[in-house]
Amino acid sequence: MSVTTIDPAEFRKVLGSYPTGVCVITALDEGKPAGMVVGSFTSVSLDPPLVGFFPDKSSTSWPLIEKAGRFCVNVMSSDQQHVCRSVSAKGEAKFVGVEYVISDHDLPVIKDSIAAIECKMYSVTEAGDHWFVLGEVLRMETVREDDPMLFHRGRYGSFAEQM
């Protein structure tokens, strides 16, 4: 294994110039919702249908989601910054003020998200200081047609209208 000389702050700054979508990953932990905000969600495979994301190893929410063995990817709309702020909070108040329903797969689906993708855990692989989580899609739906929330250079945002 080679030793890198990449400065972590510079790495974060450069990669922060690449905009990403924003998702909230949810699961139930002993009947209560658990969740985390991610900007690393991606489509992986059509056959079988797989999606992936990369939780930080230091996350306190990830072990709760992993324990559940299934999760829902809630694709955030540009008007749902309040949901991201709430779910990003530490402690048990993450879902105060966040409206959701429990799906047939016992997963919290956040109300008014753009899309919901319900998955069962397929694999979890170590990837440096993160985990690479693959989920096999059980059910998915587009909830509403709206602009997605974006994350760029440490800030939430949305698309600007083209002139």
N, C-alpha and C. Protein backbone atom coordinates (compact mmCIF):
# COMPACT_ATOMS: atom_id res chain seq x y z
N MET A 1 0.86 -1.18 0.00
CA MET A 1 0.00 0.00 0.00
C MET A 1 0.90 1.24 0.00
N SER A 2 0.62 2.19 -0.84
CA SER A 2 1.45 3.39 -0.95
C SER A 2 1.00 4.44 0.06
N VAL A 3 1.94 5.28 0.45
CA VAL A 3 1.66 6.38 1.36
C VAL A 3 1.31 7.60 0.52
N THR A 4 0.17 8.22 0.82
CA THR A 4 -0.23 9.40 0.05
C THR A 4 0.20 10.66 0.78
N THR A 5 0.36 11.72 0.02
CA THR A 5 0.72 13.01 0.59
C THR A 5 -0.38 14.02 0.33
N ILE A 6 -1.58 13.55 0.10
CA ILE A 6 -2.72 14.43 -0.14
C ILE A 6 -3.17 15.04 1.19
N ASP A 7 -3.24 16.35 1.24
CA ASP A 7 -3.72 17.04 2.43
C ASP A 7 -5.23 16.83 2.56
N PRO A 8 -5.71 16.32 3.70
CA PRO A 8 -7.14 16.07 3.86
C PRO A 8 -8.02 17.31 3.66
N ALA A 9 -7.56 18.47 4.11
CA ALA A 9 -8.36 19.69 3.93
C ALA A 9 -8.46 20.05 2.45
N GLU A 10 -7.37 19.89 1.72
CA GLU A 10 -7.38 20.17 0.28
C GLU A 10 -8.25 19.15 -0.46
N PHE A 11 -8.17 17.90 -0.05
CA PHE A 11 -8.99 16.84 -0.63
C PHE A 11 -10.48 17.18 -0.49
N ARG A 12 -10.86 17.56 0.73
CA ARG A 12 -12.26 17.93 0.99
C ARG A 12 -12.67 19.16 0.17
N LYS A 13 -11.78 20.15 0.09
CA LYS A 13 -12.08 21.38 -0.66
C LYS A 13 -12.27 21.09 -2.15
N VAL A 14 -11.36 20.33 -2.73
CA VAL A 14 -11.45 20.03 -4.16
C VAL A 14 -12.69 19.20 -4.46
N LEU A 15 -12.92 18.15 -3.70
CA LEU A 15 -14.09 17.31 -3.96
C LEU A 15 -15.39 18.00 -3.61
N GLY A 16 -15.33 19.00 -2.72
CA GLY A 16 -16.51 19.80 -2.41
C GLY A 16 -16.98 20.67 -3.57
N SER A 17 -16.13 20.82 -4.57
CA SER A 17 -16.53 21.60 -5.75
C SER A 17 -17.43 20.79 -6.68
N TYR A 18 -17.59 19.50 -6.38
CA TYR A 18 -18.47 18.64 -7.16
C TYR A 18 -19.83 18.59 -6.46
N PRO A 19 -20.90 19.11 -7.08
CA PRO A 19 -22.21 19.10 -6.42
C PRO A 19 -22.80 17.70 -6.39
N THR A 20 -23.52 17.41 -5.31
CA THR A 20 -24.19 16.12 -5.17
C THR A 20 -25.64 16.34 -4.78
N GLY A 21 -26.44 15.31 -4.98
CA GLY A 21 -27.79 15.31 -4.45
C GLY A 21 -27.73 15.03 -2.96
N VAL A 22 -28.87 15.17 -2.29
CA VAL A 22 -28.93 14.95 -0.85
C VAL A 22 -30.03 13.94 -0.56
N CYS A 23 -29.69 12.94 0.23
CA CYS A 23 -30.65 11.91 0.63
C CYS A 23 -30.62 11.75 2.14
N VAL A 24 -31.73 11.32 2.69
CA VAL A 24 -31.79 10.92 4.09
C VAL A 24 -32.03 9.41 4.11
N ILE A 25 -31.11 8.69 4.72
CA ILE A 25 -31.22 7.24 4.87
C ILE A 25 -31.94 6.99 6.19
N THR A 26 -33.03 6.21 6.15
CA THR A 26 -33.81 5.95 7.36
C THR A 26 -33.98 4.46 7.60
N ALA A 27 -34.22 4.12 8.87
CA ALA A 27 -34.53 2.75 9.28
C ALA A 27 -35.26 2.85 10.61
N LEU A 28 -35.75 1.74 11.09
CA LEU A 28 -36.34 1.69 12.43
C LEU A 28 -35.38 1.00 13.37
N ASP A 29 -35.20 1.59 14.54
CA ASP A 29 -34.38 1.01 15.60
C ASP A 29 -35.28 0.84 16.82
N GLU A 30 -35.66 -0.40 17.10
CA GLU A 30 -36.56 -0.70 18.22
C GLU A 30 -37.81 0.17 18.17
N GLY A 31 -38.38 0.29 16.97
CA GLY A 31 -39.63 1.01 16.78
C GLY A 31 -39.50 2.51 16.62
N LYS A 32 -38.28 3.04 16.77
CA LYS A 32 -38.06 4.48 16.62
C LYS A 32 -37.25 4.75 15.35
N PRO A 33 -37.53 5.88 14.68
CA PRO A 33 -36.78 6.17 13.45
C PRO A 33 -35.32 6.52 13.73
N ALA A 34 -34.45 6.01 12.89
CA ALA A 34 -33.03 6.36 12.89
C ALA A 34 -32.74 6.91 11.50
N GLY A 35 -31.81 7.84 11.41
CA GLY A 35 -31.53 8.40 10.10
C GLY A 35 -30.23 9.16 10.02
N MET A 36 -29.79 9.34 8.79
CA MET A 36 -28.57 10.11 8.53
C MET A 36 -28.68 10.76 7.16
N VAL A 37 -28.05 11.91 7.01
CA VAL A 37 -28.02 12.64 5.74
C VAL A 37 -26.77 12.21 4.98
N VAL A 38 -26.94 11.90 3.69
CA VAL A 38 -25.78 11.53 2.87
C VAL A 38 -25.82 12.28 1.53
N GLY A 39 -24.64 12.56 1.03
CA GLY A 39 -24.50 13.14 -0.30
C GLY A 39 -23.79 12.18 -1.22
N SER A 40 -23.60 10.95 -0.75
CA SER A 40 -22.82 9.97 -1.50
C SER A 40 -23.67 8.86 -2.10
N PHE A 41 -24.96 9.07 -2.25
CA PHE A 41 -25.84 8.03 -2.79
C PHE A 41 -25.60 7.85 -4.29
N THR A 42 -25.66 6.59 -4.74
CA THR A 42 -25.46 6.32 -6.16
C THR A 42 -26.19 5.05 -6.60
N SER A 43 -26.57 5.02 -7.86
CA SER A 43 -27.07 3.81 -8.49
C SER A 43 -25.87 2.93 -8.80
N VAL A 44 -25.98 1.62 -8.58
CA VAL A 44 -24.85 0.73 -8.78
C VAL A 44 -25.12 -0.32 -9.85
N SER A 45 -26.29 -0.97 -9.82
CA SER A 45 -26.55 -2.08 -10.74
C SER A 45 -28.04 -2.16 -11.07
N LEU A 46 -28.33 -2.55 -12.31
CA LEU A 46 -29.72 -2.81 -12.72
C LEU A 46 -30.13 -4.25 -12.45
N ASP A 47 -29.18 -5.20 -12.54
CA ASP A 47 -29.51 -6.61 -12.38
C ASP A 47 -28.44 -7.30 -11.55
N PRO A 48 -28.64 -7.47 -10.24
CA PRO A 48 -29.86 -7.10 -9.52
C PRO A 48 -29.88 -5.59 -9.28
N PRO A 49 -31.06 -5.04 -8.94
CA PRO A 49 -31.13 -3.59 -8.69
C PRO A 49 -30.44 -3.25 -7.37
N LEU A 50 -29.29 -2.57 -7.47
CA LEU A 50 -28.50 -2.21 -6.30
C LEU A 50 -28.24 -0.71 -6.28
N VAL A 51 -28.26 -0.15 -5.08
CA VAL A 51 -27.87 1.24 -4.85
C VAL A 51 -26.83 1.24 -3.74
N GLY A 52 -26.11 2.36 -3.61
CA GLY A 52 -25.07 2.42 -2.59
C GLY A 52 -24.91 3.80 -1.99
N PHE A 53 -24.30 3.82 -0.82
CA PHE A 53 -23.92 5.08 -0.16
C PHE A 53 -22.75 4.79 0.77
N PHE A 54 -22.14 5.86 1.30
CA PHE A 54 -20.90 5.75 2.05
C PHE A 54 -20.98 6.44 3.41
N PRO A 55 -21.46 5.77 4.46
CA PRO A 55 -21.47 6.42 5.77
C PRO A 55 -20.07 6.47 6.39
N ASP A 56 -19.81 7.53 7.11
CA ASP A 56 -18.56 7.70 7.84
C ASP A 56 -18.50 6.68 8.97
N LYS A 57 -17.33 6.13 9.21
CA LYS A 57 -17.18 5.15 10.30
C LYS A 57 -17.48 5.75 11.66
N SER A 58 -17.35 7.07 11.80
CA SER A 58 -17.61 7.71 13.10
C SER A 58 -19.10 8.01 13.31
N SER A 59 -19.94 7.72 12.34
CA SER A 59 -21.38 7.99 12.46
C SER A 59 -21.99 7.20 13.61
N THR A 60 -22.80 7.88 14.40
CA THR A 60 -23.54 7.19 15.47
C THR A 60 -24.86 6.64 14.96
N SER A 61 -25.34 7.11 13.82
CA SER A 61 -26.59 6.62 13.25
C SER A 61 -26.40 5.36 12.41
N TRP A 62 -25.26 5.24 11.74
CA TRP A 62 -25.04 4.10 10.87
C TRP A 62 -25.20 2.76 11.59
N PRO A 63 -24.64 2.55 12.79
CA PRO A 63 -24.83 1.24 13.43
C PRO A 63 -26.30 0.88 13.67
N LEU A 64 -27.14 1.88 13.91
CA LEU A 64 -28.57 1.62 14.10
C LEU A 64 -29.22 1.17 12.80
N ILE A 65 -28.83 1.82 11.70
CA ILE A 65 -29.36 1.46 10.39
C ILE A 65 -28.85 0.08 9.97
N GLU A 66 -27.57 -0.16 10.20
CA GLU A 66 -26.99 -1.46 9.85
C GLU A 66 -27.68 -2.59 10.62
N LYS A 67 -27.93 -2.36 11.90
CA LYS A 67 -28.58 -3.37 12.74
C LYS A 67 -29.97 -3.72 12.20
N ALA A 68 -30.66 -2.75 11.63
CA ALA A 68 -32.01 -2.98 11.11
C ALA A 68 -31.99 -3.93 9.90
N GLY A 69 -30.89 -3.93 9.15
CA GLY A 69 -30.78 -4.83 8.01
C GLY A 69 -31.50 -4.36 6.75
N ARG A 70 -32.15 -3.23 6.84
CA ARG A 70 -32.84 -2.63 5.69
C ARG A 70 -32.88 -1.13 5.90
N PHE A 71 -33.10 -0.40 4.82
CA PHE A 71 -33.11 1.06 4.92
C PHE A 71 -33.91 1.64 3.78
N CYS A 72 -34.31 2.91 3.95
CA CYS A 72 -35.00 3.65 2.91
C CYS A 72 -34.14 4.86 2.53
N VAL A 73 -33.93 5.04 1.25
CA VAL A 73 -33.24 6.22 0.73
C VAL A 73 -34.33 7.22 0.36
N ASN A 74 -34.39 8.33 1.07
CA ASN A 74 -35.35 9.40 0.82
C ASN A 74 -34.63 10.51 0.08
N VAL A 75 -34.98 10.74 -1.18
CA VAL A 75 -34.33 11.77 -2.00
C VAL A 75 -34.97 13.11 -1.65
N MET A 76 -34.16 14.04 -1.16
CA MET A 76 -34.67 15.31 -0.66
C MET A 76 -34.96 16.31 -1.77
N SER A 77 -36.03 17.05 -1.56
CA SER A 77 -36.42 18.15 -2.44
C SER A 77 -35.72 19.42 -1.98
N SER A 78 -35.61 20.38 -2.87
CA SER A 78 -34.92 21.64 -2.54
C SER A 78 -35.58 22.39 -1.39
N ASP A 79 -36.85 22.09 -1.08
CA ASP A 79 -37.53 22.78 0.02
C ASP A 79 -37.50 21.99 1.34
N GLN A 80 -36.62 21.00 1.46
CA GLN A 80 -36.57 20.17 2.66
C GLN A 80 -35.29 20.34 3.48
N GLN A 81 -34.72 21.54 3.45
CA GLN A 81 -33.51 21.76 4.25
C GLN A 81 -33.78 21.56 5.73
N HIS A 82 -34.99 21.88 6.18
CA HIS A 82 -35.34 21.70 7.60
C HIS A 82 -35.24 20.23 7.99
N VAL A 83 -35.58 19.33 7.08
CA VAL A 83 -35.47 17.89 7.35
C VAL A 83 -34.00 17.52 7.55
N CYS A 84 -33.15 18.00 6.66
CA CYS A 84 -31.72 17.70 6.77
C CYS A 84 -31.11 18.25 8.04
N ARG A 85 -31.48 19.47 8.40
CA ARG A 85 -30.96 20.05 9.65
C ARG A 85 -31.39 19.22 10.85
N SER A 86 -32.64 18.79 10.87
CA SER A 86 -33.16 18.01 11.99
C SER A 86 -32.46 16.65 12.07
N VAL A 87 -32.41 15.93 10.96
CA VAL A 87 -31.83 14.58 10.96
C VAL A 87 -30.32 14.62 11.20
N SER A 88 -29.67 15.73 10.87
CA SER A 88 -28.23 15.87 11.11
C SER A 88 -27.90 16.13 12.57
N ALA A 89 -28.89 16.48 13.36
CA ALA A 89 -28.66 16.79 14.77
C ALA A 89 -28.21 15.54 15.53
N LYS A 90 -27.52 15.75 16.61
CA LYS A 90 -27.10 14.64 17.48
C LYS A 90 -28.23 14.36 18.48
N GLY A 91 -28.29 13.14 18.93
CA GLY A 91 -29.24 12.79 19.98
C GLY A 91 -30.56 12.27 19.46
N GLU A 92 -31.53 12.20 20.35
CA GLU A 92 -32.81 11.56 20.06
C GLU A 92 -33.82 12.47 19.37
N ALA A 93 -33.52 13.75 19.22
CA ALA A 93 -34.50 14.69 18.65
C ALA A 93 -34.41 14.77 17.13
N LYS A 94 -33.73 13.83 16.49
CA LYS A 94 -33.51 13.89 15.04
C LYS A 94 -34.80 14.00 14.22
N PHE A 95 -35.87 13.38 14.68
CA PHE A 95 -37.09 13.34 13.88
C PHE A 95 -38.20 14.24 14.42
N VAL A 96 -37.87 15.11 15.37
CA VAL A 96 -38.86 16.07 15.86
C VAL A 96 -39.19 17.02 14.71
N GLY A 97 -40.45 17.12 14.36
CA GLY A 97 -40.88 17.99 13.28
C GLY A 97 -40.73 17.41 11.88
N VAL A 98 -40.24 16.18 11.78
CA VAL A 98 -40.09 15.51 10.49
C VAL A 98 -41.26 14.54 10.32
N GLU A 99 -42.06 14.79 9.28
CA GLU A 99 -43.22 13.92 9.04
C GLU A 99 -42.80 12.72 8.19
N TYR A 100 -43.26 11.55 8.61
CA TYR A 100 -42.95 10.33 7.88
C TYR A 100 -44.06 9.31 8.10
N VAL A 101 -44.10 8.31 7.24
CA VAL A 101 -45.01 7.18 7.40
C VAL A 101 -44.15 5.92 7.44
N ILE A 102 -44.69 4.87 8.04
CA ILE A 102 -43.99 3.59 8.07
C ILE A 102 -44.51 2.74 6.91
N SER A 103 -43.60 2.28 6.08
CA SER A 103 -43.95 1.51 4.88
C SER A 103 -44.29 0.06 5.24
N ASP A 104 -44.71 -0.68 4.24
CA ASP A 104 -44.98 -2.12 4.41
C ASP A 104 -43.72 -2.90 4.77
N HIS A 105 -42.54 -2.33 4.48
CA HIS A 105 -41.27 -2.96 4.83
C HIS A 105 -40.74 -2.46 6.18
N ASP A 106 -41.61 -1.81 6.96
CA ASP A 106 -41.24 -1.25 8.27
C ASP A 106 -40.09 -0.26 8.18
N LEU A 107 -40.20 0.64 7.21
CA LEU A 107 -39.19 1.68 7.04
C LEU A 107 -39.83 3.05 7.07
N PRO A 108 -39.19 4.03 7.75
CA PRO A 108 -39.70 5.40 7.73
C PRO A 108 -39.49 6.02 6.34
N VAL A 109 -40.59 6.45 5.74
CA VAL A 109 -40.54 7.15 4.45
C VAL A 109 -40.91 8.60 4.73
N ILE A 110 -39.99 9.51 4.47
CA ILE A 110 -40.19 10.92 4.79
C ILE A 110 -41.20 11.53 3.84
N LYS A 111 -42.19 12.19 4.44
CA LYS A 111 -43.26 12.82 3.66
C LYS A 111 -42.67 13.90 2.75
N ASP A 112 -43.18 13.95 1.53
CA ASP A 112 -42.82 14.96 0.54
C ASP A 112 -41.39 14.85 0.01
N SER A 113 -40.72 13.74 0.27
CA SER A 113 -39.43 13.55 -0.41
C SER A 113 -39.73 13.33 -1.90
N ILE A 114 -38.75 13.54 -2.74
CA ILE A 114 -38.95 13.37 -4.18
C ILE A 114 -39.15 11.90 -4.54
N ALA A 115 -38.35 11.05 -3.91
CA ALA A 115 -38.44 9.61 -4.18
C ALA A 115 -38.10 8.85 -2.92
N ALA A 116 -38.60 7.62 -2.85
CA ALA A 116 -38.28 6.72 -1.75
C ALA A 116 -37.84 5.39 -2.35
N ILE A 117 -36.69 4.90 -1.89
CA ILE A 117 -36.12 3.65 -2.40
C ILE A 117 -35.87 2.75 -1.19
N GLU A 118 -36.69 1.72 -1.05
CA GLU A 118 -36.59 0.82 0.10
C GLU A 118 -35.69 -0.36 -0.27
N CYS A 119 -34.75 -0.67 0.63
CA CYS A 119 -33.72 -1.67 0.33
C CYS A 119 -33.50 -2.61 1.50
N LYS A 120 -33.01 -3.81 1.17
CA LYS A 120 -32.46 -4.68 2.19
C LYS A 120 -30.94 -4.65 2.02
N MET A 121 -30.23 -4.82 3.14
CA MET A 121 -28.78 -4.77 3.11
C MET A 121 -28.25 -5.88 2.20
N TYR A 122 -27.37 -5.52 1.29
CA TYR A 122 -26.77 -6.47 0.36
C TYR A 122 -25.33 -6.77 0.78
N SER A 123 -24.57 -5.70 1.06
CA SER A 123 -23.20 -5.88 1.56
C SER A 123 -22.72 -4.58 2.19
N VAL A 124 -21.73 -4.72 3.07
CA VAL A 124 -21.06 -3.57 3.68
C VAL A 124 -19.56 -3.85 3.58
N THR A 125 -18.83 -2.94 2.95
CA THR A 125 -17.40 -3.12 2.71
C THR A 125 -16.64 -1.93 3.28
N GLU A 126 -15.52 -2.21 3.92
CA GLU A 126 -14.67 -1.14 4.43
C GLU A 126 -14.08 -0.36 3.27
N ALA A 127 -14.10 0.97 3.38
CA ALA A 127 -13.56 1.85 2.34
C ALA A 127 -12.87 3.03 3.02
N GLY A 128 -11.65 2.81 3.50
CA GLY A 128 -10.92 3.86 4.21
C GLY A 128 -11.62 4.23 5.50
N ASP A 129 -11.94 5.52 5.68
CA ASP A 129 -12.61 5.96 6.90
C ASP A 129 -14.14 5.93 6.77
N HIS A 130 -14.63 5.27 5.72
CA HIS A 130 -16.07 5.11 5.48
C HIS A 130 -16.39 3.63 5.26
N TRP A 131 -17.68 3.35 5.19
CA TRP A 131 -18.19 2.05 4.76
C TRP A 131 -18.84 2.24 3.40
N PHE A 132 -18.73 1.25 2.54
CA PHE A 132 -19.45 1.25 1.26
C PHE A 132 -20.62 0.29 1.44
N VAL A 133 -21.82 0.85 1.51
CA VAL A 133 -23.03 0.08 1.76
C VAL A 133 -23.77 -0.14 0.45
N LEU A 134 -24.06 -1.40 0.14
CA LEU A 134 -24.89 -1.74 -1.00
C LEU A 134 -26.23 -2.23 -0.49
N GLY A 135 -27.29 -1.73 -1.12
CA GLY A 135 -28.63 -2.18 -0.79
C GLY A 135 -29.32 -2.74 -2.01
N GLU A 136 -30.05 -3.84 -1.84
CA GLU A 136 -30.85 -4.40 -2.92
C GLU A 136 -32.23 -3.78 -2.84
N VAL A 137 -32.68 -3.21 -3.94
CA VAL A 137 -33.95 -2.47 -3.95
C VAL A 137 -35.12 -3.44 -3.84
N LEU A 138 -35.99 -3.17 -2.85
CA LEU A 138 -37.21 -3.95 -2.63
C LEU A 138 -38.42 -3.27 -3.25
N ARG A 139 -38.44 -1.95 -3.13
CA ARG A 139 -39.56 -1.15 -3.64
C ARG A 139 -39.05 0.27 -3.85
N MET A 140 -39.61 0.94 -4.84
CA MET A 140 -39.22 2.34 -5.07
C MET A 140 -40.38 3.08 -5.71
N GLU A 141 -40.41 4.38 -5.44
CA GLU A 141 -41.46 5.21 -6.04
C GLU A 141 -40.99 6.65 -6.14
N THR A 142 -41.48 7.31 -7.17
CA THR A 142 -41.32 8.75 -7.26
C THR A 142 -42.53 9.35 -6.56
N VAL A 143 -42.28 10.14 -5.54
CA VAL A 143 -43.37 10.69 -4.72
C VAL A 143 -43.91 11.98 -5.32
N ARG A 144 -43.00 12.83 -5.80
CA ARG A 144 -43.43 14.09 -6.42
C ARG A 144 -42.36 14.56 -7.39
N GLU A 145 -42.80 15.32 -8.36
CA GLU A 145 -41.88 15.91 -9.34
C GLU A 145 -41.50 17.30 -8.82
N ASP A 146 -40.26 17.45 -8.44
CA ASP A 146 -39.80 18.74 -7.93
C ASP A 146 -38.29 18.80 -8.09
N ASP A 147 -37.71 19.97 -7.88
CA ASP A 147 -36.27 20.10 -7.97
C ASP A 147 -35.61 19.46 -6.76
N PRO A 148 -34.50 18.76 -6.97
CA PRO A 148 -33.81 18.12 -5.85
C PRO A 148 -32.97 19.12 -5.06
N MET A 149 -32.69 18.75 -3.83
CA MET A 149 -31.74 19.52 -3.03
C MET A 149 -30.34 19.14 -3.51
N LEU A 150 -29.47 20.13 -3.56
CA LEU A 150 -28.08 19.91 -3.92
C LEU A 150 -27.18 20.31 -2.76
N PHE A 151 -25.98 19.72 -2.72
CA PHE A 151 -24.98 20.09 -1.73
C PHE A 151 -23.72 20.44 -2.49
N HIS A 152 -23.18 21.65 -2.22
CA HIS A 152 -22.02 22.14 -2.96
C HIS A 152 -21.21 23.05 -2.06
N ARG A 153 -19.93 22.75 -1.93
CA ARG A 153 -19.02 23.58 -1.12
C ARG A 153 -19.57 23.85 0.28
N GLY A 154 -20.11 22.80 0.89
CA GLY A 154 -20.56 22.90 2.28
C GLY A 154 -21.91 23.53 2.48
N ARG A 155 -22.65 23.77 1.38
CA ARG A 155 -23.96 24.43 1.52
C ARG A 155 -25.03 23.67 0.76
N TYR A 156 -26.26 23.75 1.27
CA TYR A 156 -27.41 23.22 0.55
C TYR A 156 -27.85 24.26 -0.47
N GLY A 157 -28.40 23.79 -1.58
CA GLY A 157 -28.89 24.70 -2.60
C GLY A 157 -29.84 23.98 -3.54
N SER A 158 -30.13 24.65 -4.66
CA SER A 158 -31.03 24.08 -5.66
C SER A 158 -30.61 24.58 -7.03
N PHE A 159 -31.29 24.07 -8.06
CA PHE A 159 -31.01 24.51 -9.42
C PHE A 159 -31.41 25.97 -9.60
N ALA A 160 -30.66 26.68 -10.44
CA ALA A 160 -31.05 28.02 -10.86
C ALA A 160 -31.74 27.89 -12.21
N GLU A 161 -32.75 28.68 -12.43
CA GLU A 161 -33.46 28.66 -13.71
C GLU A 161 -32.54 29.09 -14.83
N GLN A 162 -32.62 28.40 -15.96
CA GLN A 162 -31.84 28.77 -17.14
C GLN A 162 -32.50 29.95 -17.83
N MET A 163 -31.72 30.86 -18.33
CA MET A 163 -32.25 32.01 -19.07
C MET A 163 -32.31 31.71 -20.53
